Amino acid sequence: MVQGLFNTFLQFFEWVFEAIGTIIIIYGGLRAVAQIILQEISKRSYNLGDIRKELTNKILFGLEFYIVVAVFGTMRDPSMQDLSILGIIVLIRTVLGYFLNKEIEEYKFD
């Protein structure tokens, strides 16, 4: 009974954190597109690097929520396969974070 309640609790929060991560990434993408369109319509000059940096930050932040989802999934059913998947997800997120941060550093901001 308690185990079933705990699994239901974790499943609910998996869904919540997955939704939050997805919303953050979608929001970042839509905001970047809206900024570019508004700048183009108003014919003002804009710094694409600033927009890219903001989008990259939103992507990285959204990916953090996906790691939480993977941890919750592993807590619900801690098999070797789930632990391996969690390790792969964390590794991919770390590599993505490294290269996205490297890209941000490539564009020095004043």
PDB file of N, CA and C in Angstrom:
ATOM      1  N   MET A   1       0.830  -1.205   0.000  1.00  0.00           N
ATOM      2  CA  MET A   1       0.000   0.000   0.000  1.00  0.00           C
ATOM      3  C   MET A   1       0.867   1.258   0.000  1.00  0.00           C
ATOM      4  N   VAL A   2       1.830   1.308   0.931  1.00  0.00           N
ATOM      5  CA  VAL A   2       2.701   2.477   1.028  1.00  0.00           C
ATOM      6  C   VAL A   2       3.566   2.581  -0.220  1.00  0.00           C
ATOM      7  N   GLN A   3       4.063   1.432  -0.718  1.00  0.00           N
ATOM      8  CA  GLN A   3       4.894   1.438  -1.926  1.00  0.00           C
ATOM      9  C   GLN A   3       4.100   1.948  -3.125  1.00  0.00           C
ATOM     10  N   GLY A   4       2.852   1.528  -3.244  1.00  0.00           N
ATOM     11  CA  GLY A   4       2.002   1.997  -4.340  1.00  0.00           C
ATOM     12  C   GLY A   4       1.737   3.492  -4.252  1.00  0.00           C
ATOM     13  N   LEU A   5       1.513   3.987  -3.048  1.00  0.00           N
ATOM     14  CA  LEU A   5       1.297   5.419  -2.841  1.00  0.00           C
ATOM     15  C   LEU A   5       2.559   6.205  -3.175  1.00  0.00           C
ATOM     16  N   PHE A   6       3.720   5.678  -2.771  1.00  0.00           N
ATOM     17  CA  PHE A   6       4.997   6.320  -3.064  1.00  0.00           C
ATOM     18  C   PHE A   6       5.235   6.374  -4.571  1.00  0.00           C
ATOM     19  N   ASN A   7       4.945   5.271  -5.287  1.00  0.00           N
ATOM     20  CA  ASN A   7       5.108   5.252  -6.741  1.00  0.00           C
ATOM     21  C   ASN A   7       4.183   6.251  -7.414  1.00  0.00           C
ATOM     22  N   THR A   8       2.954   6.332  -6.943  1.00  0.00           N
ATOM     23  CA  THR A   8       2.004   7.298  -7.503  1.00  0.00           C
ATOM     24  C   THR A   8       2.488   8.723  -7.260  1.00  0.00           C
ATOM     25  N   PHE A   9       2.990   8.973  -6.076  1.00  0.00           N
ATOM     26  CA  PHE A   9       3.536  10.288  -5.712  1.00  0.00           C
ATOM     27  C   PHE A   9       4.692  10.651  -6.644  1.00  0.00           C
ATOM     28  N   LEU A  10       5.635   9.718  -6.850  1.00  0.00           N
ATOM     29  CA  LEU A  10       6.775   9.981  -7.721  1.00  0.00           C
ATOM     30  C   LEU A  10       6.341  10.164  -9.173  1.00  0.00           C
ATOM     31  N   GLN A  11       5.386   9.355  -9.636  1.00  0.00           N
ATOM     32  CA  GLN A  11       4.893   9.491 -11.008  1.00  0.00           C
ATOM     33  C   GLN A  11       4.278  10.868 -11.229  1.00  0.00           C
ATOM     34  N   PHE A  12       3.530  11.342 -10.248  1.00  0.00           N
ATOM     35  CA  PHE A  12       2.921  12.666 -10.367  1.00  0.00           C
ATOM     36  C   PHE A  12       3.994  13.729 -10.511  1.00  0.00           C
ATOM     37  N   PHE A  13       5.021  13.673  -9.662  1.00  0.00           N
ATOM     38  CA  PHE A  13       6.067  14.689  -9.737  1.00  0.00           C
ATOM     39  C   PHE A  13       6.957  14.514 -10.962  1.00  0.00           C
ATOM     40  N   GLU A  14       7.094  13.297 -11.451  1.00  0.00           N
ATOM     41  CA  GLU A  14       7.788  13.107 -12.732  1.00  0.00           C
ATOM     42  C   GLU A  14       7.050  13.889 -13.814  1.00  0.00           C
ATOM     43  N   TRP A  15       5.748  13.731 -13.849  1.00  0.00           N
ATOM     44  CA  TRP A  15       4.941  14.423 -14.847  1.00  0.00           C
ATOM     45  C   TRP A  15       5.052  15.939 -14.680  1.00  0.00           C
ATOM     46  N   VAL A  16       4.978  16.419 -13.448  1.00  0.00           N
ATOM     47  CA  VAL A  16       5.058  17.858 -13.180  1.00  0.00           C
ATOM     48  C   VAL A  16       6.401  18.421 -13.640  1.00  0.00           C
ATOM     49  N   PHE A  17       7.507  17.774 -13.255  1.00  0.00           N
ATOM     50  CA  PHE A  17       8.824  18.292 -13.620  1.00  0.00           C
ATOM     51  C   PHE A  17       9.093  18.158 -15.115  1.00  0.00           C
ATOM     52  N   GLU A  18       8.583  17.106 -15.731  1.00  0.00           N
ATOM     53  CA  GLU A  18       8.732  16.967 -17.180  1.00  0.00           C
ATOM     54  C   GLU A  18       7.973  18.080 -17.893  1.00  0.00           C
ATOM     55  N   ALA A  19       6.778  18.379 -17.412  1.00  0.00           N
ATOM     56  CA  ALA A  19       5.991  19.469 -18.005  1.00  0.00           C
ATOM     57  C   ALA A  19       6.691  20.815 -17.811  1.00  0.00           C
ATOM     58  N   ILE A  20       7.244  21.048 -16.621  1.00  0.00           N
ATOM     59  CA  ILE A  20       7.935  22.311 -16.355  1.00  0.00           C
ATOM     60  C   ILE A  20       9.148  22.445 -17.272  1.00  0.00           C
ATOM     61  N   GLY A  21       9.957  21.394 -17.398  1.00  0.00           N
ATOM     62  CA  GLY A  21      11.122  21.440 -18.282  1.00  0.00           C
ATOM     63  C   GLY A  21      10.734  21.710 -19.721  1.00  0.00           C
ATOM     64  N   THR A  22       9.683  21.051 -20.179  1.00  0.00           N
ATOM     65  CA  THR A  22       9.209  21.255 -21.542  1.00  0.00           C
ATOM     66  C   THR A  22       8.718  22.676 -21.741  1.00  0.00           C
ATOM     67  N   ILE A  23       7.962  23.186 -20.790  1.00  0.00           N
ATOM     68  CA  ILE A  23       7.439  24.555 -20.890  1.00  0.00           C
ATOM     69  C   ILE A  23       8.579  25.570 -20.937  1.00  0.00           C
ATOM     70  N   ILE A  24       9.608  25.368 -20.121  1.00  0.00           N
ATOM     71  CA  ILE A  24      10.737  26.302 -20.101  1.00  0.00           C
ATOM     72  C   ILE A  24      11.444  26.304 -21.451  1.00  0.00           C
ATOM     73  N   ILE A  25      11.684  25.139 -22.018  1.00  0.00           N
ATOM     74  CA  ILE A  25      12.373  25.059 -23.314  1.00  0.00           C
ATOM     75  C   ILE A  25      11.516  25.675 -24.417  1.00  0.00           C
ATOM     76  N   ILE A  26      10.232  25.356 -24.436  1.00  0.00           N
ATOM     77  CA  ILE A  26       9.339  25.935 -25.447  1.00  0.00           C
ATOM     78  C   ILE A  26       9.255  27.438 -25.276  1.00  0.00           C
ATOM     79  N   TYR A  27       9.132  27.906 -24.042  1.00  0.00           N
ATOM     80  CA  TYR A  27       9.075  29.335 -23.766  1.00  0.00           C
ATOM     81  C   TYR A  27      10.343  30.031 -24.278  1.00  0.00           C
ATOM     82  N   GLY A  28      11.496  29.443 -24.009  1.00  0.00           N
ATOM     83  CA  GLY A  28      12.753  30.032 -24.478  1.00  0.00           C
ATOM     84  C   GLY A  28      12.799  30.125 -25.986  1.00  0.00           C
ATOM     85  N   GLY A  29      12.357  29.082 -26.671  1.00  0.00           N
ATOM     86  CA  GLY A  29      12.339  29.091 -28.130  1.00  0.00           C
ATOM     87  C   GLY A  29      11.372  30.122 -28.690  1.00  0.00           C
ATOM     88  N   LEU A  30      10.169  30.164 -28.132  1.00  0.00           N
ATOM     89  CA  LEU A  30       9.173  31.133 -28.609  1.00  0.00           C
ATOM     90  C   LEU A  30       9.611  32.563 -28.329  1.00  0.00           C
ATOM     91  N   ARG A  31      10.223  32.762 -27.165  1.00  0.00           N
ATOM     92  CA  ARG A  31      10.694  34.108 -26.819  1.00  0.00           C
ATOM     93  C   ARG A  31      11.799  34.561 -27.770  1.00  0.00           C
ATOM     94  N   ALA A  32      12.718  33.650 -28.099  1.00  0.00           N
ATOM     95  CA  ALA A  32      13.799  33.986 -29.029  1.00  0.00           C
ATOM     96  C   ALA A  32      13.235  34.341 -30.406  1.00  0.00           C
ATOM     97  N   VAL A  33      12.289  33.546 -30.875  1.00  0.00           N
ATOM     98  CA  VAL A  33      11.671  33.821 -32.178  1.00  0.00           C
ATOM     99  C   VAL A  33      10.931  35.158 -32.137  1.00  0.00           C
ATOM    100  N   ALA A  34      10.193  35.405 -31.062  1.00  0.00           N
ATOM    101  CA  ALA A  34       9.443  36.664 -30.945  1.00  0.00           C
ATOM    102  C   ALA A  34      10.388  37.859 -30.910  1.00  0.00           C
ATOM    103  N   GLN A  35      11.504  37.739 -30.194  1.00  0.00           N
ATOM    104  CA  GLN A  35      12.461  38.843 -30.142  1.00  0.00           C
ATOM    105  C   GLN A  35      13.029  39.140 -31.518  1.00  0.00           C
ATOM    106  N   ILE A  36      13.385  38.108 -32.251  1.00  0.00           N
ATOM    107  CA  ILE A  36      13.936  38.310 -33.593  1.00  0.00           C
ATOM    108  C   ILE A  36      12.898  38.942 -34.508  1.00  0.00           C
ATOM    109  N   ILE A  37      11.678  38.435 -34.472  1.00  0.00           N
ATOM    110  CA  ILE A  37      10.622  38.980 -35.337  1.00  0.00           C
ATOM    111  C   ILE A  37      10.339  40.435 -34.986  1.00  0.00           C
ATOM    112  N   LEU A  38      10.214  40.750 -33.696  1.00  0.00           N
ATOM    113  CA  LEU A  38       9.943  42.132 -33.293  1.00  0.00           C
ATOM    114  C   LEU A  38      11.079  43.064 -33.693  1.00  0.00           C
ATOM    115  N   GLN A  39      12.299  42.604 -33.558  1.00  0.00           N
ATOM    116  CA  GLN A  39      13.438  43.434 -33.949  1.00  0.00           C
ATOM    117  C   GLN A  39      13.461  43.643 -35.466  1.00  0.00           C
ATOM    118  N   GLU A  40      13.121  42.618 -36.220  1.00  0.00           N
ATOM    119  CA  GLU A  40      13.079  42.739 -37.681  1.00  0.00           C
ATOM    120  C   GLU A  40      11.961  43.679 -38.121  1.00  0.00           C
ATOM    121  N   ILE A  41      10.813  43.556 -37.484  1.00  0.00           N
ATOM    122  CA  ILE A  41       9.676  44.411 -37.852  1.00  0.00           C
ATOM    123  C   ILE A  41       9.981  45.862 -37.536  1.00  0.00           C
ATOM    124  N   SER A  42      10.596  46.121 -36.394  1.00  0.00           N
ATOM    125  CA  SER A  42      10.879  47.503 -36.007  1.00  0.00           C
ATOM    126  C   SER A  42      12.123  48.055 -36.701  1.00  0.00           C
ATOM    127  N   LYS A  43      12.816  47.209 -37.431  1.00  0.00           N
ATOM    128  CA  LYS A  43      14.009  47.604 -38.195  1.00  0.00           C
ATOM    129  C   LYS A  43      15.112  48.145 -37.296  1.00  0.00           C
ATOM    130  N   ARG A  44      15.102  47.753 -36.036  1.00  0.00           N
ATOM    131  CA  ARG A  44      16.175  48.158 -35.131  1.00  0.00           C
ATOM    132  C   ARG A  44      17.281  47.114 -35.185  1.00  0.00           C
ATOM    133  N   SER A  45      18.483  47.555 -34.905  1.00  0.00           N
ATOM    134  CA  SER A  45      19.582  46.592 -34.855  1.00  0.00           C
ATOM    135  C   SER A  45      19.476  45.810 -33.542  1.00  0.00           C
ATOM    136  N   TYR A  46      19.915  44.603 -33.576  1.00  0.00           N
ATOM    137  CA  TYR A  46      19.861  43.771 -32.381  1.00  0.00           C
ATOM    138  C   TYR A  46      21.061  42.848 -32.364  1.00  0.00           C
ATOM    139  N   ASN A  47      21.359  42.373 -31.187  1.00  0.00           N
ATOM    140  CA  ASN A  47      22.489  41.489 -30.995  1.00  0.00           C
ATOM    141  C   ASN A  47      21.985  40.055 -30.932  1.00  0.00           C
ATOM    142  N   LEU A  48      22.244  39.305 -31.974  1.00  0.00           N
ATOM    143  CA  LEU A  48      21.801  37.916 -32.030  1.00  0.00           C
ATOM    144  C   LEU A  48      22.461  37.078 -30.931  1.00  0.00           C
ATOM    145  N   GLY A  49      23.652  37.472 -30.529  1.00  0.00           N
ATOM    146  CA  GLY A  49      24.351  36.754 -29.462  1.00  0.00           C
ATOM    147  C   GLY A  49      23.597  36.801 -28.144  1.00  0.00           C
ATOM    148  N   ASP A  50      22.983  37.950 -27.835  1.00  0.00           N
ATOM    149  CA  ASP A  50      22.196  38.058 -26.599  1.00  0.00           C
ATOM    150  C   ASP A  50      20.990  37.132 -26.639  1.00  0.00           C
ATOM    151  N   ILE A  51      20.335  37.096 -27.780  1.00  0.00           N
ATOM    152  CA  ILE A  51      19.159  36.222 -27.929  1.00  0.00           C
ATOM    153  C   ILE A  51      19.588  34.765 -27.827  1.00  0.00           C
ATOM    154  N   ARG A  52      20.692  34.432 -28.449  1.00  0.00           N
ATOM    155  CA  ARG A  52      21.209  33.056 -28.404  1.00  0.00           C
ATOM    156  C   ARG A  52      21.583  32.667 -26.976  1.00  0.00           C
ATOM    157  N   LYS A  53      22.214  33.581 -26.254  1.00  0.00           N
ATOM    158  CA  LYS A  53      22.610  33.295 -24.867  1.00  0.00           C
ATOM    159  C   LYS A  53      21.382  33.021 -24.006  1.00  0.00           C
ATOM    160  N   GLU A  54      20.359  33.832 -24.174  1.00  0.00           N
ATOM    161  CA  GLU A  54      19.137  33.650 -23.397  1.00  0.00           C
ATOM    162  C   GLU A  54      18.465  32.316 -23.730  1.00  0.00           C
ATOM    163  N   LEU A  55      18.423  31.968 -25.014  1.00  0.00           N
ATOM    164  CA  LEU A  55      17.832  30.700 -25.424  1.00  0.00           C
ATOM    165  C   LEU A  55      18.635  29.527 -24.862  1.00  0.00           C
ATOM    166  N   THR A  56      19.943  29.615 -24.933  1.00  0.00           N
ATOM    167  CA  THR A  56      20.799  28.552 -24.415  1.00  0.00           C
ATOM    168  C   THR A  56      20.580  28.362 -22.918  1.00  0.00           C
ATOM    169  N   ASN A  57      20.450  29.460 -22.187  1.00  0.00           N
ATOM    170  CA  ASN A  57      20.197  29.364 -20.748  1.00  0.00           C
ATOM    171  C   ASN A  57      18.875  28.674 -20.460  1.00  0.00           C
ATOM    172  N   LYS A  58      17.850  28.975 -21.246  1.00  0.00           N
ATOM    173  CA  LYS A  58      16.541  28.331 -21.050  1.00  0.00           C
ATOM    174  C   LYS A  58      16.639  26.832 -21.356  1.00  0.00           C
ATOM    175  N   ILE A  59      17.371  26.477 -22.407  1.00  0.00           N
ATOM    176  CA  ILE A  59      17.523  25.056 -22.743  1.00  0.00           C
ATOM    177  C   ILE A  59      18.227  24.319 -21.610  1.00  0.00           C
ATOM    178  N   LEU A  60      19.315  24.885 -21.114  1.00  0.00           N
ATOM    179  CA  LEU A  60      20.051  24.240 -20.028  1.00  0.00           C
ATOM    180  C   LEU A  60      19.192  24.099 -18.776  1.00  0.00           C
ATOM    181  N   PHE A  61      18.430  25.139 -18.468  1.00  0.00           N
ATOM    182  CA  PHE A  61      17.569  25.090 -17.287  1.00  0.00           C
ATOM    183  C   PHE A  61      16.478  24.032 -17.457  1.00  0.00           C
ATOM    184  N   GLY A  62      15.885  23.961 -18.644  1.00  0.00           N
ATOM    185  CA  GLY A  62      14.864  22.944 -18.904  1.00  0.00           C
ATOM    186  C   GLY A  62      15.427  21.534 -18.795  1.00  0.00           C
ATOM    187  N   LEU A  63      16.663  21.350 -19.260  1.00  0.00           N
ATOM    188  CA  LEU A  63      17.285  20.026 -19.177  1.00  0.00           C
ATOM    189  C   LEU A  63      17.528  19.592 -17.739  1.00  0.00           C
ATOM    190  N   GLU A  64      17.729  20.540 -16.849  1.00  0.00           N
ATOM    191  CA  GLU A  64      17.892  20.203 -15.432  1.00  0.00           C
ATOM    192  C   GLU A  64      16.637  19.506 -14.901  1.00  0.00           C
ATOM    193  N   PHE A  65      15.482  19.925 -15.349  1.00  0.00           N
ATOM    194  CA  PHE A  65      14.231  19.304 -14.907  1.00  0.00           C
ATOM    195  C   PHE A  65      14.119  17.875 -15.434  1.00  0.00           C
ATOM    196  N   TYR A  66      14.644  17.633 -16.644  1.00  0.00           N
ATOM    197  CA  TYR A  66      14.618  16.272 -17.177  1.00  0.00           C
ATOM    198  C   TYR A  66      15.502  15.335 -16.365  1.00  0.00           C
ATOM    199  N   ILE A  67      16.576  15.856 -15.801  1.00  0.00           N
ATOM    200  CA  ILE A  67      17.413  15.032 -14.932  1.00  0.00           C
ATOM    201  C   ILE A  67      16.637  14.647 -13.676  1.00  0.00           C
ATOM    202  N   VAL A  68      15.876  15.584 -13.135  1.00  0.00           N
ATOM    203  CA  VAL A  68      15.053  15.288 -11.958  1.00  0.00           C
ATOM    204  C   VAL A  68      14.046  14.187 -12.294  1.00  0.00           C
ATOM    205  N   VAL A  69      13.446  14.260 -13.475  1.00  0.00           N
ATOM    206  CA  VAL A  69      12.491  13.230 -13.908  1.00  0.00           C
ATOM    207  C   VAL A  69      13.178  11.870 -13.972  1.00  0.00           C
ATOM    208  N   ALA A  70      14.391  11.825 -14.510  1.00  0.00           N
ATOM    209  CA  ALA A  70      15.119  10.556 -14.605  1.00  0.00           C
ATOM    210  C   ALA A  70      15.455  10.010 -13.219  1.00  0.00           C
ATOM    211  N   VAL A  71      15.811  10.889 -12.299  1.00  0.00           N
ATOM    212  CA  VAL A  71      16.109  10.456 -10.927  1.00  0.00           C
ATOM    213  C   VAL A  71      14.850   9.881 -10.282  1.00  0.00           C
ATOM    214  N   PHE A  72      13.712  10.557 -10.436  1.00  0.00           N
ATOM    215  CA  PHE A  72      12.460  10.046  -9.871  1.00  0.00           C
ATOM    216  C   PHE A  72      12.098   8.695 -10.474  1.00  0.00           C
ATOM    217  N   GLY A  73      12.285   8.545 -11.774  1.00  0.00           N
ATOM    218  CA  GLY A  73      12.004   7.268 -12.425  1.00  0.00           C
ATOM    219  C   GLY A  73      12.872   6.154 -11.882  1.00  0.00           C
ATOM    220  N   THR A  74      14.124   6.470 -11.625  1.00  0.00           N
ATOM    221  CA  THR A  74      15.042   5.473 -11.067  1.00  0.00           C
ATOM    222  C   THR A  74      14.676   5.145  -9.626  1.00  0.00           C
ATOM    223  N   MET A  75      14.198   6.127  -8.885  1.00  0.00           N
ATOM    224  CA  MET A  75      13.773   5.866  -7.505  1.00  0.00           C
ATOM    225  C   MET A  75      12.558   4.943  -7.469  1.00  0.00           C
ATOM    226  N   ARG A  76      11.691   5.061  -8.450  1.00  0.00           N
ATOM    227  CA  ARG A  76      10.499   4.215  -8.482  1.00  0.00           C
ATOM    228  C   ARG A  76      10.840   2.772  -8.792  1.00  0.00           C
ATOM    229  N   ASP A  77      11.784   2.573  -9.707  1.00  0.00           N
ATOM    230  CA  ASP A  77      12.119   1.222 -10.160  1.00  0.00           C
ATOM    231  C   ASP A  77      13.625   1.136 -10.385  1.00  0.00           C
ATOM    232  N   PRO A  78      14.386   0.948  -9.301  1.00  0.00           N
ATOM    233  CA  PRO A  78      15.848   1.033  -9.415  1.00  0.00           C
ATOM    234  C   PRO A  78      16.502  -0.236  -9.973  1.00  0.00           C
ATOM    235  N   SER A  79      16.261  -0.530 -11.242  1.00  0.00           N
ATOM    236  CA  SER A  79      16.938  -1.665 -11.870  1.00  0.00           C
ATOM    237  C   SER A  79      18.256  -1.186 -12.474  1.00  0.00           C
ATOM    238  N   MET A  80      19.095  -2.130 -12.861  1.00  0.00           N
ATOM    239  CA  MET A  80      20.381  -1.769 -13.481  1.00  0.00           C
ATOM    240  C   MET A  80      20.152  -1.024 -14.790  1.00  0.00           C
ATOM    241  N   GLN A  81      19.110  -1.408 -15.521  1.00  0.00           N
ATOM    242  CA  GLN A  81      18.815  -0.731 -16.780  1.00  0.00           C
ATOM    243  C   GLN A  81      18.433   0.733 -16.517  1.00  0.00           C
ATOM    244  N   ASP A  82      17.624   0.968 -15.503  1.00  0.00           N
ATOM    245  CA  ASP A  82      17.230   2.335 -15.169  1.00  0.00           C
ATOM    246  C   ASP A  82      18.422   3.163 -14.690  1.00  0.00           C
ATOM    247  N   LEU A  83      19.297   2.540 -13.895  1.00  0.00           N
ATOM    248  CA  LEU A  83      20.491   3.250 -13.452  1.00  0.00           C
ATOM    249  C   LEU A  83      21.396   3.589 -14.633  1.00  0.00           C
ATOM    250  N   SER A  84      21.489   2.677 -15.595  1.00  0.00           N
ATOM    251  CA  SER A  84      22.287   2.938 -16.796  1.00  0.00           C
ATOM    252  C   SER A  84      21.692   4.074 -17.607  1.00  0.00           C
ATOM    253  N   ILE A  85      20.374   4.063 -17.747  1.00  0.00           N
ATOM    254  CA  ILE A  85      19.700   5.135 -18.487  1.00  0.00           C
ATOM    255  C   ILE A  85      19.904   6.468 -17.787  1.00  0.00           C
ATOM    256  N   LEU A  86      19.794   6.487 -16.473  1.00  0.00           N
ATOM    257  CA  LEU A  86      20.030   7.713 -15.712  1.00  0.00           C
ATOM    258  C   LEU A  86      21.455   8.218 -15.927  1.00  0.00           C
ATOM    259  N   GLY A  87      22.415   7.319 -15.876  1.00  0.00           N
ATOM    260  CA  GLY A  87      23.807   7.708 -16.108  1.00  0.00           C
ATOM    261  C   GLY A  87      24.008   8.286 -17.497  1.00  0.00           C
ATOM    262  N   ILE A  88      23.385   7.677 -18.492  1.00  0.00           N
ATOM    263  CA  ILE A  88      23.498   8.171 -19.870  1.00  0.00           C
ATOM    264  C   ILE A  88      22.851   9.541 -19.990  1.00  0.00           C
ATOM    265  N   ILE A  89      21.688   9.728 -19.372  1.00  0.00           N
ATOM    266  CA  ILE A  89      21.002  11.023 -19.429  1.00  0.00           C
ATOM    267  C   ILE A  89      21.866  12.106 -18.787  1.00  0.00           C
ATOM    268  N   VAL A  90      22.435  11.808 -17.633  1.00  0.00           N
ATOM    269  CA  VAL A  90      23.281  12.793 -16.954  1.00  0.00           C
ATOM    270  C   VAL A  90      24.523  13.083 -17.796  1.00  0.00           C
ATOM    271  N   LEU A  91      25.105  12.059 -18.406  1.00  0.00           N
ATOM    272  CA  LEU A  91      26.275  12.257 -19.258  1.00  0.00           C
ATOM    273  C   LEU A  91      25.935  13.128 -20.467  1.00  0.00           C
ATOM    274  N   ILE A  92      24.825  12.836 -21.126  1.00  0.00           N
ATOM    275  CA  ILE A  92      24.410  13.633 -22.284  1.00  0.00           C
ATOM    276  C   ILE A  92      24.146  15.070 -21.866  1.00  0.00           C
ATOM    277  N   ARG A  93      23.489  15.252 -20.742  1.00  0.00           N
ATOM    278  CA  ARG A  93      23.191  16.607 -20.268  1.00  0.00           C
ATOM    279  C   ARG A  93      24.483  17.360 -19.947  1.00  0.00           C
ATOM    280  N   THR A  94      25.443  16.661 -19.354  1.00  0.00           N
ATOM    281  CA  THR A  94      26.721  17.289 -19.025  1.00  0.00           C
ATOM    282  C   THR A  94      27.462  17.702 -20.291  1.00  0.00           C
ATOM    283  N   VAL A  95      27.492  16.816 -21.276  1.00  0.00           N
ATOM    284  CA  VAL A  95      28.164  17.139 -22.544  1.00  0.00           C
ATOM    285  C   VAL A  95      27.454  18.307 -23.232  1.00  0.00           C
ATOM    286  N   LEU A  96      26.124  18.261 -23.277  1.00  0.00           N
ATOM    287  CA  LEU A  96      25.367  19.376 -23.878  1.00  0.00           C
ATOM    288  C   LEU A  96      25.648  20.678 -23.141  1.00  0.00           C
ATOM    289  N   GLY A  97      25.614  20.618 -21.814  1.00  0.00           N
ATOM    290  CA  GLY A  97      25.885  21.815 -21.023  1.00  0.00           C
ATOM    291  C   GLY A  97      27.268  22.366 -21.279  1.00  0.00           C
ATOM    292  N   TYR A  98      28.249  21.472 -21.386  1.00  0.00           N
ATOM    293  CA  TYR A  98      29.618  21.909 -21.635  1.00  0.00           C
ATOM    294  C   TYR A  98      29.713  22.647 -22.966  1.00  0.00           C
ATOM    295  N   PHE A  99      29.174  22.039 -24.017  1.00  0.00           N
ATOM    296  CA  PHE A  99      29.299  22.652 -25.336  1.00  0.00           C
ATOM    297  C   PHE A  99      28.435  23.902 -25.481  1.00  0.00           C
ATOM    298  N   LEU A 100      27.271  23.926 -24.841  1.00  0.00           N
ATOM    299  CA  LEU A 100      26.452  25.138 -24.893  1.00  0.00           C
ATOM    300  C   LEU A 100      27.123  26.272 -24.131  1.00  0.00           C
ATOM    301  N   ASN A 101      27.723  25.965 -22.988  1.00  0.00           N
ATOM    302  CA  ASN A 101      28.458  26.995 -22.248  1.00  0.00           C
ATOM    303  C   ASN A 101      29.677  27.466 -23.025  1.00  0.00           C
ATOM    304  N   LYS A 102      30.334  26.561 -23.710  1.00  0.00           N
ATOM    305  CA  LYS A 102      31.482  26.929 -24.540  1.00  0.00           C
ATOM    306  C   LYS A 102      31.040  27.862 -25.661  1.00  0.00           C
ATOM    307  N   GLU A 103      29.862  27.601 -26.232  1.00  0.00           N
ATOM    308  CA  GLU A 103      29.328  28.463 -27.275  1.00  0.00           C
ATOM    309  C   GLU A 103      29.006  29.847 -26.717  1.00  0.00           C
ATOM    310  N   ILE A 104      28.462  29.892 -25.506  1.00  0.00           N
ATOM    311  CA  ILE A 104      28.158  31.188 -24.876  1.00  0.00           C
ATOM    312  C   ILE A 104      29.443  31.977 -24.670  1.00  0.00           C
ATOM    313  N   GLU A 105      30.493  31.298 -24.196  1.00  0.00           N
ATOM    314  CA  GLU A 105      31.773  31.985 -23.958  1.00  0.00           C
ATOM    315  C   GLU A 105      32.393  32.484 -25.249  1.00  0.00           C
ATOM    316  N   GLU A 106      32.079  31.805 -26.347  1.00  0.00           N
ATOM    317  CA  GLU A 106      32.602  32.220 -27.653  1.00  0.00           C
ATOM    318  C   GLU A 106      32.082  33.609 -28.025  1.00  0.00           C
ATOM    319  N   TYR A 107      30.893  33.923 -27.585  1.00  0.00           N
ATOM    320  CA  TYR A 107      30.296  35.232 -27.842  1.00  0.00           C
ATOM    321  C   TYR A 107      30.479  36.080 -26.592  1.00  0.00           C
ATOM    322  N   LYS A 108      31.518  36.837 -26.560  1.00  0.00           N
ATOM    323  CA  LYS A 108      31.764  37.705 -25.406  1.00  0.00           C
ATOM    324  C   LYS A 108      30.795  38.868 -25.438  1.00  0.00           C
ATOM    325  N   PHE A 109      30.152  39.101 -24.291  1.00  0.00           N
ATOM    326  CA  PHE A 109      29.161  40.152 -24.191  1.00  0.00           C
ATOM    327  C   PHE A 109      29.739  41.323 -23.426  1.00  0.00           C
ATOM    328  N   ASP A 110      29.376  42.524 -23.850  1.00  0.00           N
ATOM    329  CA  ASP A 110      29.868  43.734 -23.194  1.00  0.00           C
ATOM    330  C   ASP A 110      29.098  44.041 -21.948  1.00  0.00           C
TER     331      ASP A 110
END
